[in-house]
Amino acid sequence: MREVQRLGSKSGVATKVYPVSEVYMIRIPNYVKPMDNDHVRAAMHLAIDTAALSKAFYGGVAKPLSVMTPEGTPSYVPDFHFPFDKNKAIEELKAAGFSTSNPVSFTFLTTNGVFPNDYDVARAITGMWKQVGINATIEETTPAKLVEAAQNGKLAGPLLYSWVNSTGDPENYAGRIFDPRLRFSTWKDMSLAPRIDALMTEIDEAKRMAGYKALNVESSQQSWAIPLLQAVSTIAYSSALNPTLFDNGYILPADMKYR
């Protein structure tokens, strides 16, 4: 982001920042205490000002999310909004036995340089949490280490994560993110498995989307994961060029004929 902003001030260079089908989120391992506490997770979620994150690190282009899918996708829920509410976050922590004078502490995992400003976003989130009584210690890691730890059920805490879905279909958003049997899953609630299986095999499209929308809303309300922002992509190129930009991140449909 900083580089594209720097290059944008130079003559002869064109730049663009645009939202894509990727989602920035916090993934939560429910087997790590105190992530199993509903009130702690709610406080974590309520204390994050996603609009401020977008403005500070993505020029306001990255759209804040309340569900685990971007606007324009079939399982997006436009009438559902998860609020930013510091006072409510403090109340939730109090219900869990914590406060600014007796903060809850845990490790917060993040990459550095995997997606734009990831480490800086993690630092900003820990600052927001600290204001309500959450002390999160940042631990820098790599995608390879994260996948290995998730597969073995050994994540040290919640993690800042970027999820790519080039189809826009909810089975590759909530359907994969919350399937407890997958090796990269973090929310290990086995009761979700038959629910997701039913959605994966539902042939009535209206029922399928209604089911995924319900899953999206419930997962956000219960903070099984915390959706943050629709991701952005950056590009800079010579203004002498006229490239065709497919600026959404989705797979392009194509007709194929076989002889």
Protein backbone atom coordinates (compact mmCIF):
# COMPACT_ATOMS: atom_id res chain seq x y z
CA MET A 1 0.00 0.00 0.00
CA ARG A 2 2.75 2.45 0.88
CA GLU A 3 4.59 1.67 -2.33
CA VAL A 4 1.55 2.10 -4.56
CA GLN A 5 0.81 5.42 -2.83
CA ARG A 6 4.41 6.51 -3.36
CA LEU A 7 4.41 5.49 -7.01
CA GLY A 8 1.06 7.18 -7.56
CA SER A 9 2.68 10.56 -6.90
CA LYS A 10 5.15 10.10 -9.76
CA SER A 11 4.48 11.28 -13.30
CA GLY A 12 4.20 8.56 -15.89
CA VAL A 13 2.89 5.98 -13.42
CA ALA A 14 -0.73 4.89 -13.04
CA THR A 15 -1.88 3.11 -9.88
CA LYS A 16 -5.03 1.42 -8.68
CA VAL A 17 -6.21 -0.07 -5.40
CA TYR A 18 -9.38 -2.15 -5.55
CA PRO A 19 -11.31 -4.69 -3.44
CA VAL A 20 -11.13 -8.34 -4.46
CA SER A 21 -12.74 -11.65 -3.47
CA GLU A 22 -10.26 -12.25 -0.65
CA VAL A 23 -11.27 -11.77 3.00
CA TYR A 24 -9.14 -10.58 5.92
CA MET A 25 -10.21 -12.21 9.18
CA ILE A 26 -9.19 -13.41 12.60
CA ARG A 27 -9.41 -17.18 12.89
CA ILE A 28 -10.04 -18.57 16.34
CA PRO A 29 -8.97 -21.97 17.75
CA ASN A 30 -11.63 -22.90 20.29
CA TYR A 31 -9.27 -25.39 21.93
CA VAL A 32 -7.01 -22.56 23.18
CA LYS A 33 -8.15 -20.85 26.36
CA PRO A 34 -9.76 -18.39 26.72
CA MET A 35 -11.04 -18.70 23.14
CA ASP A 36 -13.62 -21.18 24.42
CA ASN A 37 -15.25 -18.37 26.42
CA ASP A 38 -18.18 -16.80 24.53
CA HIS A 39 -17.79 -13.48 26.35
CA VAL A 40 -14.07 -13.15 25.58
CA ARG A 41 -14.62 -13.80 21.88
CA ALA A 42 -17.52 -11.33 21.80
CA ALA A 43 -15.32 -8.68 23.43
CA MET A 44 -12.55 -9.31 20.91
CA HIS A 45 -15.04 -8.85 18.08
CA LEU A 46 -16.84 -5.80 19.49
CA ALA A 47 -13.60 -3.93 20.23
CA ILE A 48 -12.36 -3.88 16.61
CA ASP A 49 -13.10 -0.76 14.56
CA THR A 50 -12.92 -2.19 11.05
CA ALA A 51 -13.71 1.15 9.41
CA ALA A 52 -10.68 2.67 11.15
CA LEU A 53 -8.50 -0.21 9.95
CA SER A 54 -9.66 0.33 6.39
CA LYS A 55 -9.02 4.06 6.55
CA ALA A 56 -5.62 3.77 8.20
CA PHE A 57 -4.13 0.94 6.14
CA TYR A 58 -6.12 0.63 2.91
CA GLY A 59 -7.17 4.16 2.03
CA GLY A 60 -10.78 3.34 2.92
CA VAL A 61 -11.00 0.98 -0.07
CA ALA A 62 -11.12 -2.29 1.90
CA LYS A 63 -14.77 -2.75 2.84
CA PRO A 64 -15.58 -3.64 6.47
CA LEU A 65 -17.31 -7.00 6.80
CA SER A 66 -19.83 -8.37 9.27
CA VAL A 67 -20.00 -11.83 7.69
CA MET A 68 -17.43 -14.13 6.14
CA THR A 69 -18.15 -13.19 2.54
CA PRO A 70 -17.90 -9.92 0.55
CA GLU A 71 -20.73 -7.80 -0.73
CA GLY A 72 -21.99 -9.02 -4.10
CA THR A 73 -21.54 -12.72 -3.36
CA PRO A 74 -24.66 -14.91 -3.13
CA SER A 75 -24.41 -15.59 0.62
CA TYR A 76 -23.77 -11.99 1.65
CA VAL A 77 -26.27 -10.74 4.26
CA PRO A 78 -26.82 -7.01 3.64
CA ASP A 79 -29.19 -6.44 6.56
CA PHE A 80 -26.85 -7.91 9.18
CA HIS A 81 -24.30 -5.66 10.85
CA PHE A 82 -21.95 -6.58 13.67
CA PRO A 83 -21.23 -3.39 15.64
CA PHE A 84 -18.06 -1.77 16.88
CA ASP A 85 -18.91 -1.09 20.53
CA LYS A 86 -16.15 -0.59 23.10
CA ASN A 87 -18.57 -0.26 26.02
CA LYS A 88 -20.29 -3.52 25.12
CA ALA A 89 -16.87 -5.17 24.78
CA ILE A 90 -16.01 -4.05 28.32
CA GLU A 91 -19.31 -5.51 29.56
CA GLU A 92 -18.61 -8.82 27.85
CA LEU A 93 -15.16 -9.02 29.42
CA LYS A 94 -16.64 -8.20 32.82
CA ALA A 95 -19.03 -11.12 32.40
CA ALA A 96 -15.97 -13.33 31.84
CA GLY A 97 -14.24 -11.97 34.96
CA PHE A 98 -11.83 -9.60 33.23
CA SER A 99 -11.34 -5.82 33.04
CA THR A 100 -8.73 -3.20 32.19
CA SER A 101 -7.30 -3.68 35.69
CA ASN A 102 -7.47 -7.47 35.35
CA PRO A 103 -6.95 -8.04 31.63
CA VAL A 104 -7.25 -11.30 29.75
CA SER A 105 -4.03 -12.30 27.98
CA PHE A 106 -3.24 -14.50 24.99
CA THR A 107 -0.96 -14.85 21.97
CA PHE A 108 -2.03 -13.25 18.69
CA LEU A 109 -0.46 -14.81 15.59
CA THR A 110 0.20 -12.81 12.44
CA THR A 111 2.23 -12.95 9.26
CA ASN A 112 4.40 -10.06 8.10
CA GLY A 113 4.23 -9.27 4.40
CA VAL A 114 1.87 -12.01 3.26
CA PHE A 115 -0.89 -9.51 2.50
CA PRO A 116 -0.73 -5.70 2.52
CA ASN A 117 -0.02 -4.24 5.97
CA ASP A 118 -0.83 -7.49 7.79
CA TYR A 119 1.62 -6.93 10.66
CA ASP A 120 0.57 -3.30 11.07
CA VAL A 121 -3.09 -4.32 11.16
CA ALA A 122 -2.28 -6.85 13.89
CA ARG A 123 -0.56 -4.14 15.92
CA ALA A 124 -3.55 -1.82 15.52
CA ILE A 125 -5.97 -4.54 16.62
CA THR A 126 -3.94 -5.28 19.76
CA GLY A 127 -4.09 -1.56 20.54
CA MET A 128 -7.88 -1.59 20.22
CA TRP A 129 -8.09 -4.66 22.42
CA LYS A 130 -5.88 -3.13 25.09
CA GLN A 131 -8.35 -0.27 25.53
CA VAL A 132 -11.05 -2.67 26.73
CA GLY A 133 -8.95 -5.08 28.83
CA ILE A 134 -7.36 -7.52 26.38
CA ASN A 135 -3.59 -7.95 26.39
CA ALA A 136 -2.56 -9.76 23.22
CA THR A 137 1.10 -10.52 22.57
CA ILE A 138 1.91 -10.56 18.86
CA GLU A 139 3.84 -13.55 17.57
CA GLU A 140 5.08 -13.34 13.99
CA THR A 141 4.77 -16.53 11.97
CA THR A 142 4.57 -17.87 8.41
CA PRO A 143 1.74 -19.49 6.39
CA ALA A 144 3.59 -22.84 6.39
CA LYS A 145 3.89 -22.83 10.17
CA LEU A 146 0.24 -21.80 10.53
CA VAL A 147 -1.04 -24.64 8.36
CA GLU A 148 1.12 -27.17 10.20
CA ALA A 149 -0.02 -25.90 13.61
CA ALA A 150 -3.67 -25.84 12.54
CA GLN A 151 -3.45 -29.37 11.14
CA ASN A 152 -1.99 -30.65 14.40
CA GLY A 153 -4.33 -28.63 16.63
CA LYS A 154 -1.42 -26.70 18.10
CA LEU A 155 -2.13 -23.06 17.30
CA ALA A 156 -0.93 -20.83 20.13
CA GLY A 157 -3.86 -18.45 19.79
CA PRO A 158 -6.07 -16.58 17.31
CA LEU A 159 -4.48 -15.57 14.04
CA LEU A 160 -4.80 -12.79 11.50
CA TYR A 161 -5.50 -14.52 8.20
CA SER A 162 -6.32 -13.92 4.57
CA TRP A 163 -8.77 -16.27 2.83
CA VAL A 164 -8.97 -16.41 -0.96
CA ASN A 165 -12.07 -17.63 -2.79
CA SER A 166 -11.95 -17.17 -6.55
CA THR A 167 -15.47 -18.53 -7.09
CA GLY A 168 -17.50 -16.38 -4.70
CA ASP A 169 -19.51 -19.46 -3.73
CA PRO A 170 -20.13 -19.84 0.02
CA GLU A 171 -18.95 -23.44 0.11
CA ASN A 172 -15.44 -22.00 -0.30
CA TYR A 173 -16.03 -19.37 2.37
CA ALA A 174 -18.05 -20.53 5.39
CA GLY A 175 -18.33 -24.09 4.06
CA ARG A 176 -14.56 -24.57 4.29
CA ILE A 177 -13.66 -22.16 7.06
CA PHE A 178 -15.99 -23.77 9.59
CA ASP A 179 -15.67 -27.42 8.59
CA PRO A 180 -13.97 -28.87 11.70
CA ARG A 181 -12.62 -31.90 9.81
CA LEU A 182 -10.39 -29.98 7.42
CA ARG A 183 -6.69 -29.79 8.15
CA PHE A 184 -6.58 -26.00 8.10
CA SER A 185 -9.69 -25.52 10.25
CA THR A 186 -9.32 -23.76 13.59
CA TRP A 187 -12.86 -23.75 15.02
CA LYS A 188 -13.13 -27.44 15.94
CA ASP A 189 -16.85 -27.79 16.65
CA MET A 190 -17.81 -31.23 15.33
CA SER A 191 -21.51 -30.41 15.57
CA LEU A 192 -21.03 -28.20 12.49
CA ALA A 193 -19.93 -31.14 10.32
CA PRO A 194 -23.41 -32.57 9.49
CA ARG A 195 -24.75 -29.06 8.99
CA ILE A 196 -22.05 -28.29 6.45
CA ASP A 197 -22.48 -31.69 4.78
CA ALA A 198 -26.16 -30.92 4.31
CA LEU A 199 -25.32 -27.60 2.65
CA MET A 200 -22.70 -29.21 0.41
CA THR A 201 -25.29 -31.67 -0.92
CA GLU A 202 -28.32 -29.34 -1.06
CA ILE A 203 -29.61 -29.16 -4.65
CA ASP A 204 -32.24 -26.48 -4.03
CA GLU A 205 -30.22 -23.30 -4.63
CA ALA A 206 -32.53 -21.06 -2.59
CA LYS A 207 -32.31 -23.39 0.41
CA ARG A 208 -28.55 -23.71 -0.01
CA MET A 209 -28.00 -19.97 0.05
CA ALA A 210 -30.42 -19.48 2.93
CA GLY A 211 -28.48 -22.09 4.89
CA TYR A 212 -25.14 -20.45 4.21
CA LYS A 213 -26.52 -17.02 5.10
CA ALA A 214 -27.75 -18.42 8.42
CA LEU A 215 -24.33 -19.98 9.02
CA ASN A 216 -22.62 -16.69 8.20
CA VAL A 217 -24.78 -14.74 10.64
CA GLU A 218 -24.49 -17.28 13.45
CA SER A 219 -20.72 -17.61 13.07
CA SER A 220 -20.37 -13.84 13.34
CA GLN A 221 -22.78 -13.49 16.25
CA GLN A 222 -20.94 -16.26 18.11
CA SER A 223 -17.51 -15.03 16.93
CA TRP A 224 -16.30 -18.45 15.76
CA ALA A 225 -14.11 -16.29 13.55
CA ILE A 226 -13.99 -12.52 13.17
CA PRO A 227 -14.50 -11.09 9.67
CA LEU A 228 -12.59 -7.86 9.24
CA LEU A 229 -12.28 -6.49 5.71
CA GLN A 230 -12.68 -7.35 2.08
CA ALA A 231 -9.14 -7.58 0.80
CA VAL A 232 -7.55 -5.18 -1.65
CA SER A 233 -5.19 -5.62 -4.57
CA THR A 234 -2.67 -3.03 -5.69
CA ILE A 235 -1.20 -2.36 -9.11
CA ALA A 236 1.15 0.19 -10.57
CA TYR A 237 2.10 0.44 -14.24
CA SER A 238 3.40 2.82 -16.84
CA SER A 239 0.75 5.31 -17.89
CA ALA A 240 1.84 4.61 -21.47
CA LEU A 241 0.22 1.19 -21.13
CA ASN A 242 -3.48 0.38 -21.27
CA PRO A 243 -3.85 -2.99 -19.51
CA THR A 244 -7.15 -4.80 -19.17
CA LEU A 245 -7.68 -5.30 -15.45
CA PHE A 246 -9.96 -8.06 -14.22
CA ASP A 247 -10.22 -6.35 -10.89
CA ASN A 248 -12.32 -8.58 -8.67
CA GLY A 249 -10.34 -11.77 -8.06
CA TYR A 250 -13.02 -14.11 -9.40
CA ILE A 251 -12.49 -16.84 -11.96
CA LEU A 252 -13.58 -15.74 -15.43
CA PRO A 253 -16.27 -17.98 -16.95
CA ALA A 254 -15.43 -19.56 -20.29
CA ASP A 255 -17.20 -21.74 -22.84
CA MET A 256 -15.39 -24.93 -23.71
CA LYS A 257 -16.24 -27.20 -26.64
CA TYR A 258 -14.87 -30.70 -27.12
CA ARG A 259 -14.80 -32.60 -30.41
